[in-house]
C-alpha atoms as a PDB file:
ATOM      1  CA  MET A   1      15.738   4.248 -20.055  1.00  0.00           C
ATOM      2  CA  THR A   2      15.358   1.251 -22.752  1.00  0.00           C
ATOM      3  CA  ILE A   3      12.479  -1.676 -22.843  1.00  0.00           C
ATOM      4  CA  THR A   4      16.003  -4.156 -22.074  1.00  0.00           C
ATOM      5  CA  SER A   5      17.384  -2.096 -19.749  1.00  0.00           C
ATOM      6  CA  ALA A   6      14.201  -1.241 -17.660  1.00  0.00           C
ATOM      7  CA  ALA A   7      14.144  -5.707 -17.883  1.00  0.00           C
ATOM      8  CA  ILE A   8      17.429  -6.119 -16.482  1.00  0.00           C
ATOM      9  CA  ALA A   9      17.332  -3.376 -13.263  1.00  0.00           C
ATOM     10  CA  LEU A  10      13.826  -5.061 -12.911  1.00  0.00           C
ATOM     11  CA  LEU A  11      15.092  -8.498 -12.465  1.00  0.00           C
ATOM     12  CA  LEU A  12      18.197  -7.422 -10.556  1.00  0.00           C
ATOM     13  CA  VAL A  13      15.827  -5.821  -7.941  1.00  0.00           C
ATOM     14  CA  MET A  14      14.298  -9.589  -7.595  1.00  0.00           C
ATOM     15  CA  ASP A  15      17.051 -11.387  -7.214  1.00  0.00           C
ATOM     16  CA  PRO A  16      15.260 -14.888  -8.703  1.00  0.00           C
ATOM     17  CA  ILE A  17      19.215 -16.844  -8.058  1.00  0.00           C
ATOM     18  CA  GLY A  18      19.146 -14.862  -4.779  1.00  0.00           C
ATOM     19  CA  ASN A  19      15.513 -16.119  -4.053  1.00  0.00           C
ATOM     20  CA  SER A  20      15.641 -19.346  -5.372  1.00  0.00           C
ATOM     21  CA  LEU A  21      17.099 -21.223  -2.229  1.00  0.00           C
ATOM     22  CA  SER A  22      13.997 -19.298  -0.419  1.00  0.00           C
ATOM     23  CA  PHE A  23      11.936 -20.791  -2.502  1.00  0.00           C
ATOM     24  CA  MET A  24      13.175 -24.349  -2.920  1.00  0.00           C
ATOM     25  CA  THR A  25      13.237 -24.431   1.097  1.00  0.00           C
ATOM     26  CA  ILE A  26       9.650 -22.931   1.447  1.00  0.00           C
ATOM     27  CA  LEU A  27       8.430 -25.116  -0.361  1.00  0.00           C
ATOM     28  CA  GLU A  28       9.848 -28.053   0.273  1.00  0.00           C
ATOM     29  CA  PRO A  29       7.079 -29.347   3.271  1.00  0.00           C
ATOM     30  CA  VAL A  30       4.852 -29.206   0.520  1.00  0.00           C
ATOM     31  CA  ALA A  31       3.492 -32.286  -1.496  1.00  0.00           C
ATOM     32  CA  PRO A  32       5.881 -33.034  -4.382  1.00  0.00           C
ATOM     33  CA  ALA A  33       2.863 -33.219  -6.500  1.00  0.00           C
ATOM     34  CA  ARG A  34       1.841 -30.089  -5.550  1.00  0.00           C
ATOM     35  CA  ARG A  35       5.335 -27.721  -6.031  1.00  0.00           C
ATOM     36  CA  LEU A  36       4.929 -26.966  -9.834  1.00  0.00           C
ATOM     37  CA  ARG A  37       1.432 -26.440  -9.416  1.00  0.00           C
ATOM     38  CA  VAL A  38       1.522 -24.026  -5.976  1.00  0.00           C
ATOM     39  CA  LEU A  39       5.652 -22.538  -7.707  1.00  0.00           C
ATOM     40  CA  VAL A  40       3.028 -21.251 -10.573  1.00  0.00           C
ATOM     41  CA  ARG A  41       0.313 -20.229  -8.690  1.00  0.00           C
ATOM     42  CA  GLU A  42       2.633 -18.163  -6.914  1.00  0.00           C
ATOM     43  CA  LEU A  43       4.880 -16.654 -10.154  1.00  0.00           C
ATOM     44  CA  LEU A  44       1.662 -15.710 -11.574  1.00  0.00           C
ATOM     45  CA  ILE A  45       0.280 -13.919  -8.405  1.00  0.00           C
ATOM     46  CA  ALA A  46       3.279 -11.661  -8.708  1.00  0.00           C
ATOM     47  CA  LEU A  47       2.886 -10.747 -12.060  1.00  0.00           C
ATOM     48  CA  GLY A  48      -0.794  -9.677 -11.230  1.00  0.00           C
ATOM     49  CA  ILE A  49       1.136  -8.235  -8.200  1.00  0.00           C
ATOM     50  CA  LEU A  50       3.809  -6.256 -10.317  1.00  0.00           C
ATOM     51  CA  LEU A  51       1.307  -5.881 -13.502  1.00  0.00           C
ATOM     52  CA  ALA A  52      -1.334  -3.907 -10.959  1.00  0.00           C
ATOM     53  CA  PHE A  53       1.180  -1.660  -9.731  1.00  0.00           C
ATOM     54  CA  LEU A  54       2.483  -0.595 -13.161  1.00  0.00           C
ATOM     55  CA  GLY A  55      -0.974  -0.271 -14.245  1.00  0.00           C
ATOM     56  CA  CYS A  56      -2.348   2.624 -11.357  1.00  0.00           C
ATOM     57  CA  GLY A  57      -0.428   1.661  -8.150  1.00  0.00           C
ATOM     58  CA  HIS A  58       0.025   5.453  -7.917  1.00  0.00           C
ATOM     59  CA  TRP A  59      -3.643   5.740  -7.424  1.00  0.00           C
ATOM     60  CA  ILE A  60      -4.072   3.032  -5.144  1.00  0.00           C
ATOM     61  CA  LEU A  61      -1.675   4.072  -2.470  1.00  0.00           C
ATOM     62  CA  GLY A  62      -3.123   7.667  -3.734  1.00  0.00           C
ATOM     63  CA  VAL A  63      -6.437   6.160  -2.406  1.00  0.00           C
ATOM     64  CA  MET A  64      -5.381   4.499   0.654  1.00  0.00           C
ATOM     65  CA  ASN A  65      -2.559   7.332   1.118  1.00  0.00           C
ATOM     66  CA  VAL A  66      -0.137   4.493   1.675  1.00  0.00           C
ATOM     67  CA  GLU A  67       3.519   5.355   1.583  1.00  0.00           C
ATOM     68  CA  THR A  68       5.777   3.188  -0.127  1.00  0.00           C
ATOM     69  CA  LEU A  69       7.787   3.552   2.976  1.00  0.00           C
ATOM     70  CA  ALA A  70       4.765   1.741   4.739  1.00  0.00           C
ATOM     71  CA  ILE A  71       4.742  -1.600   1.850  1.00  0.00           C
ATOM     72  CA  ARG A  72       9.046  -1.737   3.096  1.00  0.00           C
ATOM     73  CA  THR A  73       7.934  -1.245   6.982  1.00  0.00           C
ATOM     74  CA  ALA A  74       5.193  -3.782   6.546  1.00  0.00           C
ATOM     75  CA  GLY A  75       6.996  -6.718   4.005  1.00  0.00           C
ATOM     76  CA  GLY A  76       9.839  -6.475   6.550  1.00  0.00           C
ATOM     77  CA  ILE A  77       7.540  -7.276   9.759  1.00  0.00           C
ATOM     78  CA  ILE A  78       6.217 -10.102   7.002  1.00  0.00           C
ATOM     79  CA  LEU A  79       9.293 -11.250   6.288  1.00  0.00           C
ATOM     80  CA  PHE A  80      10.814 -11.506   9.785  1.00  0.00           C
ATOM     81  CA  LEU A  81       7.885 -13.539  10.890  1.00  0.00           C
ATOM     82  CA  VAL A  82       7.428 -15.976   8.695  1.00  0.00           C
ATOM     83  CA  ALA A  83      11.516 -16.597   8.956  1.00  0.00           C
ATOM     84  CA  LEU A  84      10.680 -17.891  12.412  1.00  0.00           C
ATOM     85  CA  ARG A  85       8.333 -19.806  11.219  1.00  0.00           C
ATOM     86  CA  ILE A  86      11.463 -21.546   9.328  1.00  0.00           C
ATOM     87  CA  ILE A  87      13.926 -21.913  11.968  1.00  0.00           C
ATOM     88  CA  PHE A  88      11.319 -22.685  14.551  1.00  0.00           C
ATOM     89  CA  PRO A  89       8.814 -25.060  13.162  1.00  0.00           C
ATOM     90  CA  PRO A  90       5.760 -25.892  14.576  1.00  0.00           C
ATOM     91  CA  LYS A  91       4.990 -29.492  14.890  1.00  0.00           C
ATOM     92  CA  GLU A  92       2.262 -29.144  12.699  1.00  0.00           C
ATOM     93  CA  GLY A  93       4.219 -27.883  10.192  1.00  0.00           C
ATOM     94  CA  ILE A  94       5.482 -24.380   8.394  1.00  0.00           C
ATOM     95  CA  TRP A  95       2.332 -24.059   6.883  1.00  0.00           C
ATOM     96  CA  SER A  96       0.153 -25.467   9.110  1.00  0.00           C
ATOM     97  CA  GLY A  97      -2.313 -22.658   9.233  1.00  0.00           C
ATOM     98  CA  THR A  98      -2.623 -22.216   5.399  1.00  0.00           C
ATOM     99  CA  PRO A  99      -5.182 -23.302   2.865  1.00  0.00           C
ATOM    100  CA  GLY A 100      -4.047 -26.771   1.944  1.00  0.00           C
ATOM    101  CA  GLY A 101      -0.999 -27.041   4.267  1.00  0.00           C
ATOM    102  CA  GLU A 102       0.701 -24.642   1.557  1.00  0.00           C
ATOM    103  CA  PRO A 103       2.224 -21.327   0.982  1.00  0.00           C
ATOM    104  CA  LEU A 104      -0.160 -18.751   0.053  1.00  0.00           C
ATOM    105  CA  ILE A 105       0.803 -15.407  -1.531  1.00  0.00           C
ATOM    106  CA  VAL A 106       3.598 -14.583   1.132  1.00  0.00           C
ATOM    107  CA  PRO A 107       6.160 -14.701   1.344  1.00  0.00           C
ATOM    108  CA  LEU A 108       6.662 -16.378  -2.343  1.00  0.00           C
ATOM    109  CA  ALA A 109       4.910 -13.870  -4.749  1.00  0.00           C
ATOM    110  CA  THR A 110       5.072 -11.306  -1.998  1.00  0.00           C
ATOM    111  CA  PRO A 111       7.424 -10.243  -0.060  1.00  0.00           C
ATOM    112  CA  LEU A 112      10.408 -12.682  -2.371  1.00  0.00           C
ATOM    113  CA  LEU A 113       9.547 -11.283  -5.310  1.00  0.00           C
ATOM    114  CA  ALA A 114       6.964  -8.618  -5.558  1.00  0.00           C
ATOM    115  CA  GLY A 115       8.916  -7.547  -3.359  1.00  0.00           C
ATOM    116  CA  PRO A 116       9.043  -3.668  -1.639  1.00  0.00           C
ATOM    117  CA  SER A 117      11.837  -2.848  -4.388  1.00  0.00           C
ATOM    118  CA  ALA A 118       9.958  -4.330  -7.532  1.00  0.00           C
ATOM    119  CA  ILE A 119       7.521  -2.740  -6.493  1.00  0.00           C
ATOM    120  CA  ALA A 120       9.271   0.625  -5.921  1.00  0.00           C
ATOM    121  CA  THR A 121      10.577   0.475  -9.340  1.00  0.00           C
ATOM    122  CA  VAL A 122       7.484  -0.589 -11.053  1.00  0.00           C
ATOM    123  CA  LEU A 123       6.402   2.806  -9.543  1.00  0.00           C
ATOM    124  CA  LEU A 124       9.376   4.942 -10.437  1.00  0.00           C
ATOM    125  CA  LEU A 125       8.819   3.291 -13.970  1.00  0.00           C
ATOM    126  CA  SER A 126       5.354   4.722 -14.464  1.00  0.00           C
ATOM    127  CA  GLY A 127       6.194   7.702 -13.309  1.00  0.00           C
ATOM    128  CA  SER A 128       8.881   8.712 -14.884  1.00  0.00           C
ATOM    129  CA  GLU A 129       7.662   8.622 -18.455  1.00  0.00           C
ATOM    130  CA  PRO A 130       3.420   7.437 -18.228  1.00  0.00           C
ATOM    131  CA  GLY A 131       3.263   7.703 -21.917  1.00  0.00           C
ATOM    132  CA  ARG A 132       5.517   4.648 -22.368  1.00  0.00           C
ATOM    133  CA  ARG A 133       3.071   1.868 -20.188  1.00  0.00           C
ATOM    134  CA  LEU A 134       3.100  -0.714 -23.537  1.00  0.00           C
ATOM    135  CA  ASP A 135       6.843  -0.488 -23.078  1.00  0.00           C
ATOM    136  CA  TRP A 136       7.138  -0.658 -19.492  1.00  0.00           C
ATOM    137  CA  THR A 137       4.451  -3.625 -19.390  1.00  0.00           C
ATOM    138  CA  LEU A 138       7.241  -5.449 -21.376  1.00  0.00           C
ATOM    139  CA  ALA A 139       9.782  -5.006 -19.232  1.00  0.00           C
ATOM    140  CA  VAL A 140       8.057  -6.148 -16.135  1.00  0.00           C
ATOM    141  CA  LEU A 141       6.762  -9.371 -18.540  1.00  0.00           C
ATOM    142  CA  LEU A 142      10.383  -9.998 -19.881  1.00  0.00           C
ATOM    143  CA  ALA A 143      12.640  -9.543 -16.287  1.00  0.00           C
ATOM    144  CA  TRP A 144       9.166 -11.980 -14.790  1.00  0.00           C
ATOM    145  CA  GLY A 145       9.698 -14.220 -17.552  1.00  0.00           C
ATOM    146  CA  ALA A 146      13.863 -14.713 -16.861  1.00  0.00           C
ATOM    147  CA  ALA A 147      12.738 -14.948 -12.499  1.00  0.00           C
ATOM    148  CA  ALA A 148      10.135 -17.530 -13.135  1.00  0.00           C
ATOM    149  CA  ALA A 149      12.526 -19.764 -15.449  1.00  0.00           C
ATOM    150  CA  VAL A 150      15.537 -19.847 -12.611  1.00  0.00           C
ATOM    151  CA  LEU A 151      12.987 -20.227 -10.285  1.00  0.00           C
ATOM    152  CA  LEU A 152      11.044 -22.668 -11.844  1.00  0.00           C
ATOM    153  CA  THR A 153      14.561 -24.606 -12.689  1.00  0.00           C
ATOM    154  CA  SER A 154      15.876 -24.858  -9.269  1.00  0.00           C
ATOM    155  CA  THR A 155      12.820 -25.597  -7.392  1.00  0.00           C
ATOM    156  CA  ALA A 156      12.942 -28.595  -9.517  1.00  0.00           C
ATOM    157  CA  MET A 157      16.059 -29.320  -7.519  1.00  0.00           C
ATOM    158  CA  THR A 158      14.202 -30.398  -3.946  1.00  0.00           C
ATOM    159  CA  ARG A 159      13.404 -33.413  -4.821  1.00  0.00           C
ATOM    160  CA  LYS A 160      17.515 -34.883  -5.478  1.00  0.00           C
ATOM    161  CA  LEU A 161      17.949 -33.235  -1.762  1.00  0.00           C
ATOM    162  CA  ASP A 162      18.492 -35.018   1.152  1.00  0.00           C
ATOM    163  CA  ARG A 163      16.383 -34.652   3.528  1.00  0.00           C
ATOM    164  CA  ARG A 164      19.211 -34.001   6.387  1.00  0.00           C
ATOM    165  CA  LEU A 165      21.392 -31.495   3.855  1.00  0.00           C
ATOM    166  CA  ALA A 166      16.960 -30.017   3.091  1.00  0.00           C
ATOM    167  CA  SER A 167      16.643 -29.429   6.466  1.00  0.00           C
ATOM    168  CA  GLY A 168      20.035 -27.876   6.753  1.00  0.00           C
ATOM    169  CA  LEU A 169      18.986 -25.519   3.987  1.00  0.00           C
ATOM    170  CA  GLN A 170      15.838 -24.773   6.057  1.00  0.00           C
ATOM    171  CA  LYS A 171      17.775 -23.152   8.733  1.00  0.00           C
ATOM    172  CA  LEU A 172      19.413 -21.471   6.955  1.00  0.00           C
ATOM    173  CA  THR A 173      17.473 -20.009   4.291  1.00  0.00           C
ATOM    174  CA  GLY A 174      15.487 -19.108   7.664  1.00  0.00           C
ATOM    175  CA  MET A 175      18.958 -17.175   9.068  1.00  0.00           C
ATOM    176  CA  ILE A 176      19.027 -15.438   5.753  1.00  0.00           C
ATOM    177  CA  LEU A 177      15.050 -14.531   5.203  1.00  0.00           C
ATOM    178  CA  VAL A 178      16.040 -12.882   9.014  1.00  0.00           C
ATOM    179  CA  ILE A 179      18.768 -10.931   7.706  1.00  0.00           C
ATOM    180  CA  LEU A 180      17.096  -9.586   4.653  1.00  0.00           C
ATOM    181  CA  SER A 181      13.721  -8.509   7.096  1.00  0.00           C
ATOM    182  CA  VAL A 182      15.965  -6.759   9.070  1.00  0.00           C
ATOM    183  CA  GLN A 183      17.365  -4.971   5.781  1.00  0.00           C
ATOM    184  CA  MET A 184      14.308  -3.949   4.775  1.00  0.00           C
ATOM    185  CA  LEU A 185      12.941  -2.478   7.930  1.00  0.00           C
ATOM    186  CA  LEU A 186      16.438  -0.549   8.764  1.00  0.00           C
ATOM    187  CA  THR A 187      16.632   0.651   5.017  1.00  0.00           C
ATOM    188  CA  ALA A 188      12.735   2.086   6.252  1.00  0.00           C
ATOM    189  CA  PHE A 189      14.414   3.552   8.893  1.00  0.00           C
ATOM    190  CA  ARG A 190      16.371   5.451   8.048  1.00  0.00           C
ATOM    191  CA  GLN A 191      13.893   7.060   5.473  1.00  0.00           C
ATOM    192  CA  LEU A 192      12.184   8.046   8.554  1.00  0.00           C
ATOM    193  CA  MET A 193      14.932   9.559  10.348  1.00  0.00           C
ATOM    194  CA  PRO A 194      15.735  13.201   9.645  1.00  0.00           C
ATOM    195  CA  PRO A 195      19.135  14.439   7.404  1.00  0.00           C
ATOM    196  CA  ALA A 196      21.754  15.102   9.830  1.00  0.00           C
ATOM    197  CA  THR A 197      23.193  18.236  10.181  1.00  0.00           C
ATOM    198  CA  HIS A 198      26.622  19.216   9.957  1.00  0.00           C
END
């Protein structure tokens, strides 16, 4: 696999275009002056997560005795809980329980951007050809850079959204996130099921 093909594969898994609506909606309650700073912070955290798993992901999972299946299951549960808060926001606001009343690490950095699929892809790259660690690092940086460009552009559009439209998009995004979280859990459950015998 070349650096370009690895970067494209990781970019497709990260799905910044599909996630752009989720990012726009999740950042909508954040003060406009803080949105760009929060987004950049979450993007950098996601990059750190991907590079950490690229460099020593197999070791981390081995020491903790954690399977990639557990990461997928945990990601699905977290995303489901966040989706419920988006669909049925508390009176204090979606991020009332977080520092500064804004998302931190979850759900933007992970599981939306550096999610189970992206982590699994990075682990696959590092495990298949360990001697090409520099190539895979470049591939991660290229994919992350492209995803960041898409998300930074789309999130800037939130300032132009009508309030009622933003509210409608928030509910729609919540439903999409519920579907994504259930899909994560179904995928994990299928891996747990023994193969059918004929």
